[in-house]
Amino acid sequence: MNICGVLVHSKPDCVADVAAALARISGVELHGSADGGRLIVTIEDTASTLALSGLEQIHRTPGVVAAALVYHHFEPDHDTAGAVAKEA
């Protein structure tokens, strides 16, 4: 499990468009917004995408000024950890 908390700064006049674009990124969930174009999101690994890829997509989203990683939590996936150990 890989979870990243990210504070996204968008241009204030682009908040709605940025929020809509973030909703289309796999693994991204919008939790709230604040004055000045700030959006609070989490990004999780999915079966097909890494959280890092989601963060890269956020940075490339039109209207985004910056995205700062403010929290990171990682736990090994116990279902796949055994499979990796058996292969070694």
Protein backbone atom coordinates (compact mmCIF):
# COMPACT_ATOMS: atom_id res chain seq x y z
CA MET A 1 0.00 0.00 0.00
CA ASN A 2 1.39 3.36 -1.03
CA ILE A 3 -0.50 6.54 -0.08
CA CYS A 4 0.66 10.10 -0.78
CA GLY A 5 -0.93 13.25 0.60
CA VAL A 6 -0.47 16.15 -1.80
CA LEU A 7 -1.27 19.86 -1.59
CA VAL A 8 -1.99 21.12 -5.10
CA HIS A 9 -1.79 24.84 -5.85
CA SER A 10 -3.76 25.87 -8.90
CA LYS A 11 -4.42 29.21 -10.47
CA PRO A 12 -7.43 30.53 -8.53
CA ASP A 13 -9.50 30.96 -11.69
CA CYS A 14 -8.78 27.34 -12.74
CA VAL A 15 -9.81 25.49 -9.57
CA ALA A 16 -12.91 23.85 -11.06
CA ASP A 17 -11.07 22.70 -14.19
CA VAL A 18 -8.11 21.40 -12.18
CA ALA A 19 -10.42 19.55 -9.77
CA ALA A 20 -12.20 17.90 -12.70
CA ALA A 21 -8.87 16.90 -14.27
CA LEU A 22 -7.60 15.45 -10.98
CA ALA A 23 -10.75 13.33 -10.68
CA ARG A 24 -9.83 11.65 -13.98
CA ILE A 25 -6.36 10.58 -12.77
CA SER A 26 -6.25 6.96 -11.60
CA GLY A 27 -5.68 6.67 -7.86
CA VAL A 28 -6.30 10.36 -7.10
CA GLU A 29 -9.01 11.45 -4.67
CA LEU A 30 -9.91 15.08 -3.96
CA HIS A 31 -10.64 15.71 -0.27
CA GLY A 32 -11.15 19.45 -0.13
CA SER A 33 -10.13 22.90 -1.22
CA ALA A 34 -9.09 26.15 0.37
CA ASP A 35 -8.91 29.79 -0.66
CA GLY A 36 -6.24 30.75 -3.13
CA GLY A 37 -6.58 27.72 -5.39
CA ARG A 38 -5.35 25.07 -2.95
CA LEU A 39 -6.64 21.51 -3.31
CA ILE A 40 -6.05 18.63 -0.89
CA VAL A 41 -5.67 15.24 -2.57
CA THR A 42 -4.42 11.75 -1.89
CA ILE A 43 -2.85 9.47 -4.44
CA GLU A 44 -2.73 5.69 -4.05
CA ASP A 45 -1.11 2.98 -6.10
CA THR A 46 -3.65 1.12 -8.23
CA ALA A 47 -3.40 -2.22 -9.98
CA SER A 48 -2.25 -0.45 -13.15
CA THR A 49 -0.61 2.81 -11.95
CA LEU A 50 1.90 3.90 -9.34
CA ALA A 51 1.20 6.90 -7.13
CA LEU A 52 4.34 8.51 -8.54
CA SER A 53 2.74 8.48 -12.00
CA GLY A 54 -0.31 10.22 -10.58
CA LEU A 55 1.91 12.91 -9.06
CA GLU A 56 3.62 13.41 -12.43
CA GLN A 57 0.21 13.80 -14.09
CA ILE A 58 -0.82 16.37 -11.49
CA HIS A 59 2.29 18.43 -12.24
CA ARG A 60 1.45 18.37 -15.97
CA THR A 61 -2.20 19.36 -15.48
CA PRO A 62 -3.03 22.73 -17.05
CA GLY A 63 -3.74 25.32 -14.37
CA VAL A 64 -1.57 23.63 -11.72
CA VAL A 65 1.13 25.93 -10.37
CA ALA A 66 2.72 23.41 -7.95
CA ALA A 67 2.07 20.14 -6.18
CA ALA A 68 3.81 19.38 -2.88
CA LEU A 69 4.08 15.96 -1.28
CA VAL A 70 3.12 16.59 2.36
CA TYR A 71 2.55 13.03 3.58
CA HIS A 72 3.70 9.57 2.53
CA HIS A 73 2.75 6.16 3.93
CA PHE A 74 4.00 2.83 2.64
CA GLU A 75 3.31 -0.72 3.76
CA PRO A 76 4.41 -3.81 1.87
CA ASP A 77 1.55 -5.67 0.20
CA HIS A 78 1.53 -8.95 2.09
CA ASP A 79 -0.11 -10.75 -0.85
CA THR A 80 2.77 -9.95 -3.22
CA ALA A 81 5.63 -9.88 -0.67
CA GLY A 82 5.56 -13.67 -0.35
CA ALA A 83 5.55 -14.13 -4.12
CA VAL A 84 8.66 -11.97 -4.47
CA ALA A 85 10.45 -13.86 -1.69
CA LYS A 86 9.64 -17.22 -3.31
CA GLU A 87 11.05 -16.09 -6.66
CA ALA A 88 14.38 -15.07 -5.14
